[in-house]
Amino acid sequence: MPASGDLFDPSLIVFAALAVFVIWKLRSVLGMRVDRDTPPPARFAPRGPAPAAVAPAPGVAPLVEARARPTGAERWEGVAEKGVASAWTGLDAVAASDPNFDGKSFVSGARRAYELIVTAFAKGDRETLKPLLAQDVFDGFSAEIARREQQGESMETAVVAIDSATVDAARAIGGRNEVTVRFVVRLMSVRRDKAGETIDGGQTRKVVERWTFARDAKATDPNWKLVATQTED
């Protein structure tokens, strides 16, 4: 009978194979777990969230860091029509008195101001109008709103499109900056009596207006207020 050390047990092969399988399976499972814990690299790595942009209130040119401004023929391109000396030289004066003035931001704010003021006036919304208008302009708007209210009239106005908004004139005088914007706009406006019958309007019409905004160059309040309006024939 052979010695016990010479015996060969076939089950050892089965156990060995089973151990190899178990080890392989554990490595496979652990590998999957690591992959799940670590997100795969994005194809397009997302950037961190951009700083929240604070939209300037209508009629406001937001404060910007003072920086070197374009000079020569490009300095007010896209802000004022070329060749309008009163606008370009005036804007130079405004920028000199207020290093935070930004022409393009101003025009963008003026466009929003136009739409908000026109809409608020039609609705008779004095609360919205008050901070955007100089006192005398507000008084004039408020008086017309009061007349409509007394007559029982209502008005609806929609700005269909602002075709253009360019600086027509500007000046810096006595610490006060003034910028006039020429608007070419398409409006839809309807005025109704207290019975709801249309008095006038109802069709889209083209309007050309010049609005002048003003602001104290040294004021901490960045708001520009509407100080005058003029309609072109």
Protein backbone atom coordinates (compact mmCIF):
# COMPACT_ATOMS: atom_id res chain seq x y z
CA MET A 1 0.00 0.00 0.00
CA PRO A 2 1.60 3.30 -0.96
CA ALA A 3 2.52 5.88 1.77
CA SER A 4 -0.02 8.58 2.59
CA GLY A 5 2.28 11.35 1.24
CA ASP A 6 2.17 9.69 -2.17
CA LEU A 7 -1.63 9.81 -2.38
CA PHE A 8 -3.10 12.14 -5.06
CA ASP A 9 -6.53 13.55 -4.34
CA PRO A 10 -8.30 14.82 -7.54
CA SER A 11 -10.50 17.08 -5.41
CA LEU A 12 -7.49 19.34 -4.83
CA ILE A 13 -7.60 20.37 -8.46
CA VAL A 14 -11.28 21.28 -8.10
CA PHE A 15 -10.61 23.34 -4.95
CA ALA A 16 -7.65 25.07 -6.60
CA ALA A 17 -9.69 25.94 -9.66
CA LEU A 18 -12.51 27.15 -7.43
CA ALA A 19 -10.09 29.38 -5.47
CA VAL A 20 -8.73 30.91 -8.68
CA PHE A 21 -12.28 31.60 -9.88
CA VAL A 22 -13.25 33.21 -6.57
CA ILE A 23 -10.14 35.45 -6.58
CA TRP A 24 -10.80 36.50 -10.19
CA LYS A 25 -14.43 37.22 -9.39
CA LEU A 26 -13.54 39.35 -6.36
CA ARG A 27 -11.07 41.40 -8.41
CA SER A 28 -13.69 41.85 -11.08
CA VAL A 29 -16.30 43.01 -8.58
CA LEU A 30 -13.90 45.33 -6.79
CA GLY A 31 -12.84 46.81 -10.08
CA MET A 32 -16.43 47.55 -10.99
CA ARG A 33 -16.99 49.12 -7.60
CA VAL A 34 -14.02 51.43 -8.03
CA ASP A 35 -15.28 52.43 -11.47
CA ARG A 36 -18.66 53.30 -10.02
CA ASP A 37 -17.16 55.35 -7.25
CA THR A 38 -15.04 57.33 -9.71
CA PRO A 39 -17.13 58.93 -12.47
CA PRO A 40 -15.76 58.41 -15.98
CA PRO A 41 -14.05 61.38 -17.53
CA ALA A 42 -16.50 63.63 -19.36
CA ARG A 43 -16.07 63.91 -23.08
CA PHE A 44 -16.41 67.62 -22.74
CA ALA A 45 -15.15 68.60 -19.30
CA PRO A 46 -17.73 70.98 -17.85
CA ARG A 47 -16.47 74.30 -16.66
CA GLY A 48 -17.23 75.58 -13.21
CA PRO A 49 -20.31 77.78 -12.94
CA ALA A 50 -19.78 81.24 -14.33
CA PRO A 51 -20.28 84.14 -11.97
CA ALA A 52 -23.91 85.18 -11.97
CA ALA A 53 -24.39 88.08 -14.36
CA VAL A 54 -26.32 90.89 -12.77
CA ALA A 55 -28.62 92.27 -15.42
CA PRO A 56 -28.64 96.04 -15.22
CA ALA A 57 -31.95 97.66 -14.52
CA PRO A 58 -33.51 99.42 -17.51
CA GLY A 59 -31.86 102.76 -18.09
CA VAL A 60 -28.75 101.63 -16.27
CA ALA A 61 -25.25 101.25 -17.61
CA PRO A 62 -23.74 98.72 -15.19
CA LEU A 63 -20.54 99.60 -13.42
CA VAL A 64 -17.53 98.06 -15.09
CA GLU A 65 -13.88 98.09 -14.22
CA ALA A 66 -12.08 101.06 -15.64
CA ARG A 67 -10.08 99.91 -18.63
CA ALA A 68 -8.33 101.26 -21.68
CA ARG A 69 -10.94 102.33 -24.19
CA PRO A 70 -10.72 102.11 -27.95
CA THR A 71 -9.44 105.24 -29.56
CA GLY A 72 -9.68 106.72 -33.01
CA ALA A 73 -12.25 105.59 -35.53
CA GLU A 74 -13.45 102.58 -33.51
CA ARG A 75 -13.99 104.13 -30.12
CA TRP A 76 -17.79 104.43 -30.33
CA GLU A 77 -18.51 102.06 -33.20
CA GLY A 78 -21.85 100.34 -32.68
CA VAL A 79 -22.87 102.97 -30.13
CA ALA A 80 -23.21 106.13 -32.25
CA GLU A 81 -23.46 106.67 -35.98
CA LYS A 82 -20.16 107.54 -37.59
CA GLY A 83 -19.77 111.16 -38.52
CA VAL A 84 -22.11 112.44 -35.79
CA ALA A 85 -19.60 114.71 -34.10
CA SER A 86 -21.96 115.78 -31.32
CA ALA A 87 -22.34 112.14 -30.31
CA TRP A 88 -18.72 110.99 -30.56
CA THR A 89 -17.11 114.00 -28.91
CA GLY A 90 -19.89 114.07 -26.33
CA LEU A 91 -19.34 110.41 -25.49
CA ASP A 92 -15.64 111.14 -25.09
CA ALA A 93 -16.55 113.82 -22.55
CA VAL A 94 -18.93 111.49 -20.69
CA ALA A 95 -16.30 108.73 -20.54
CA ALA A 96 -13.72 111.20 -19.29
CA SER A 97 -15.99 112.31 -16.44
CA ASP A 98 -17.09 108.77 -15.55
CA PRO A 99 -14.43 106.06 -15.96
CA ASN A 100 -17.09 103.36 -15.45
CA PHE A 101 -19.17 104.48 -18.42
CA ASP A 102 -19.55 101.79 -21.07
CA GLY A 103 -21.26 102.84 -24.29
CA LYS A 104 -22.53 99.46 -25.43
CA SER A 105 -23.86 98.57 -21.99
CA PHE A 106 -25.57 101.95 -21.83
CA VAL A 107 -27.34 101.48 -25.17
CA SER A 108 -28.39 97.97 -24.17
CA GLY A 109 -29.87 99.34 -20.93
CA ALA A 110 -31.56 102.18 -22.80
CA ARG A 111 -33.30 99.69 -25.10
CA ARG A 112 -34.68 97.83 -22.10
CA ALA A 113 -35.68 101.12 -20.49
CA TYR A 114 -37.61 102.17 -23.58
CA GLU A 115 -39.67 99.00 -23.67
CA LEU A 116 -40.34 99.00 -19.94
CA ILE A 117 -41.31 102.68 -19.78
CA VAL A 118 -43.61 102.52 -22.81
CA THR A 119 -45.33 99.40 -21.47
CA ALA A 120 -45.63 100.76 -17.92
CA PHE A 121 -47.07 104.04 -19.20
CA ALA A 122 -49.74 102.19 -21.18
CA LYS A 123 -50.68 100.15 -18.10
CA GLY A 124 -50.68 103.21 -15.85
CA ASP A 125 -47.98 101.61 -13.68
CA ARG A 126 -46.66 104.63 -11.77
CA GLU A 127 -44.64 102.46 -9.38
CA THR A 128 -42.48 101.15 -12.21
CA LEU A 129 -42.15 104.55 -13.85
CA LYS A 130 -41.18 106.51 -10.74
CA PRO A 131 -37.51 105.40 -10.36
CA LEU A 132 -36.85 105.58 -14.11
CA LEU A 133 -38.01 109.15 -14.78
CA ALA A 134 -36.89 112.59 -13.70
CA GLN A 135 -39.53 114.26 -11.54
CA ASP A 136 -40.89 116.61 -14.22
CA VAL A 137 -41.11 113.80 -16.77
CA PHE A 138 -42.84 111.58 -14.23
CA ASP A 139 -45.33 114.36 -13.47
CA GLY A 140 -46.19 114.64 -17.17
CA PHE A 141 -46.64 110.89 -17.57
CA SER A 142 -48.65 110.67 -14.37
CA ALA A 143 -50.96 113.50 -15.46
CA GLU A 144 -51.80 111.68 -18.71
CA ILE A 145 -52.39 108.44 -16.80
CA ALA A 146 -54.75 110.33 -14.46
CA ARG A 147 -56.64 111.77 -17.46
CA ARG A 148 -57.18 108.29 -18.86
CA GLU A 149 -58.33 107.02 -15.49
CA GLN A 150 -60.83 109.86 -15.13
CA GLN A 151 -62.21 109.19 -18.61
CA GLY A 152 -62.35 105.45 -17.97
CA GLU A 153 -59.99 104.83 -20.87
CA SER A 154 -57.54 101.97 -21.13
CA MET A 155 -54.46 101.55 -23.25
CA GLU A 156 -52.47 98.58 -24.48
CA THR A 157 -49.06 99.00 -26.07
CA ALA A 158 -46.57 96.42 -27.29
CA VAL A 159 -43.10 97.11 -28.61
CA VAL A 160 -43.06 94.95 -31.74
CA ALA A 161 -39.39 95.69 -32.46
CA ILE A 162 -36.69 98.22 -31.75
CA ASP A 163 -35.11 98.47 -35.17
CA SER A 164 -32.27 100.69 -33.99
CA ALA A 165 -31.04 102.55 -30.92
CA THR A 166 -28.01 104.79 -31.36
CA VAL A 167 -26.56 107.68 -29.41
CA ASP A 168 -27.53 110.89 -31.15
CA ALA A 169 -25.89 113.36 -28.77
CA ALA A 170 -24.06 113.42 -25.47
CA ARG A 171 -22.46 115.91 -23.13
CA ALA A 172 -20.86 116.27 -19.73
CA ILE A 173 -21.65 119.57 -18.05
CA GLY A 174 -21.52 120.67 -14.43
CA GLY A 175 -20.87 117.15 -13.13
CA ARG A 176 -23.96 115.87 -14.96
CA ASN A 177 -23.79 113.49 -17.90
CA GLU A 178 -26.49 113.46 -20.55
CA VAL A 179 -26.86 110.98 -23.39
CA THR A 180 -29.57 111.17 -26.05
CA VAL A 181 -30.58 107.96 -27.81
CA ARG A 182 -32.46 107.94 -31.10
CA PHE A 183 -34.91 105.04 -31.24
CA VAL A 184 -36.51 103.70 -34.40
CA VAL A 185 -39.32 101.49 -33.16
CA ARG A 186 -42.39 99.61 -34.35
CA LEU A 187 -45.28 99.86 -31.90
CA MET A 188 -48.70 98.28 -31.66
CA SER A 189 -50.97 100.45 -29.54
CA VAL A 190 -54.71 100.49 -28.87
CA ARG A 191 -56.69 103.02 -26.80
CA ARG A 192 -60.19 102.09 -25.68
CA ASP A 193 -63.01 103.97 -23.98
CA LYS A 194 -64.76 102.81 -20.82
CA ALA A 195 -67.14 100.71 -22.91
CA GLY A 196 -64.20 98.85 -24.42
CA GLU A 197 -64.64 100.42 -27.85
CA THR A 198 -61.47 101.31 -29.74
CA ILE A 199 -60.78 105.03 -29.84
CA ASP A 200 -57.62 104.83 -31.91
CA GLY A 201 -54.74 102.55 -32.75
CA GLY A 202 -54.82 98.86 -33.54
CA GLN A 203 -52.17 98.86 -36.22
CA THR A 204 -48.41 98.61 -36.09
CA ARG A 205 -46.78 101.97 -36.68
CA LYS A 206 -43.23 103.18 -36.98
CA VAL A 207 -42.10 105.68 -34.37
CA VAL A 208 -38.85 107.67 -34.23
CA GLU A 209 -38.08 109.23 -30.87
CA ARG A 210 -35.14 110.85 -29.12
CA TRP A 211 -34.88 110.10 -25.42
CA THR A 212 -32.37 111.86 -23.20
CA PHE A 213 -31.04 110.11 -20.10
CA ALA A 214 -29.04 111.87 -17.39
CA ARG A 215 -26.95 110.92 -14.37
CA ASP A 216 -24.69 112.62 -11.85
CA ALA A 217 -21.17 111.49 -12.78
CA LYS A 218 -20.19 111.11 -9.12
CA ALA A 219 -23.38 109.48 -7.88
CA THR A 220 -23.11 106.06 -6.26
CA ASP A 221 -26.47 105.15 -7.82
CA PRO A 222 -25.70 103.78 -11.30
CA ASN A 223 -29.21 104.53 -12.59
CA TRP A 224 -29.74 106.85 -15.54
CA LYS A 225 -33.08 108.66 -15.52
CA LEU A 226 -35.15 109.77 -18.48
CA VAL A 227 -35.15 113.57 -18.48
CA ALA A 228 -36.65 114.42 -21.90
CA THR A 229 -38.45 112.88 -24.85
CA GLN A 230 -38.99 114.13 -28.37
CA THR A 231 -40.88 112.54 -31.24
CA GLU A 232 -39.68 113.07 -34.79
CA ASP A 233 -42.26 113.78 -37.47
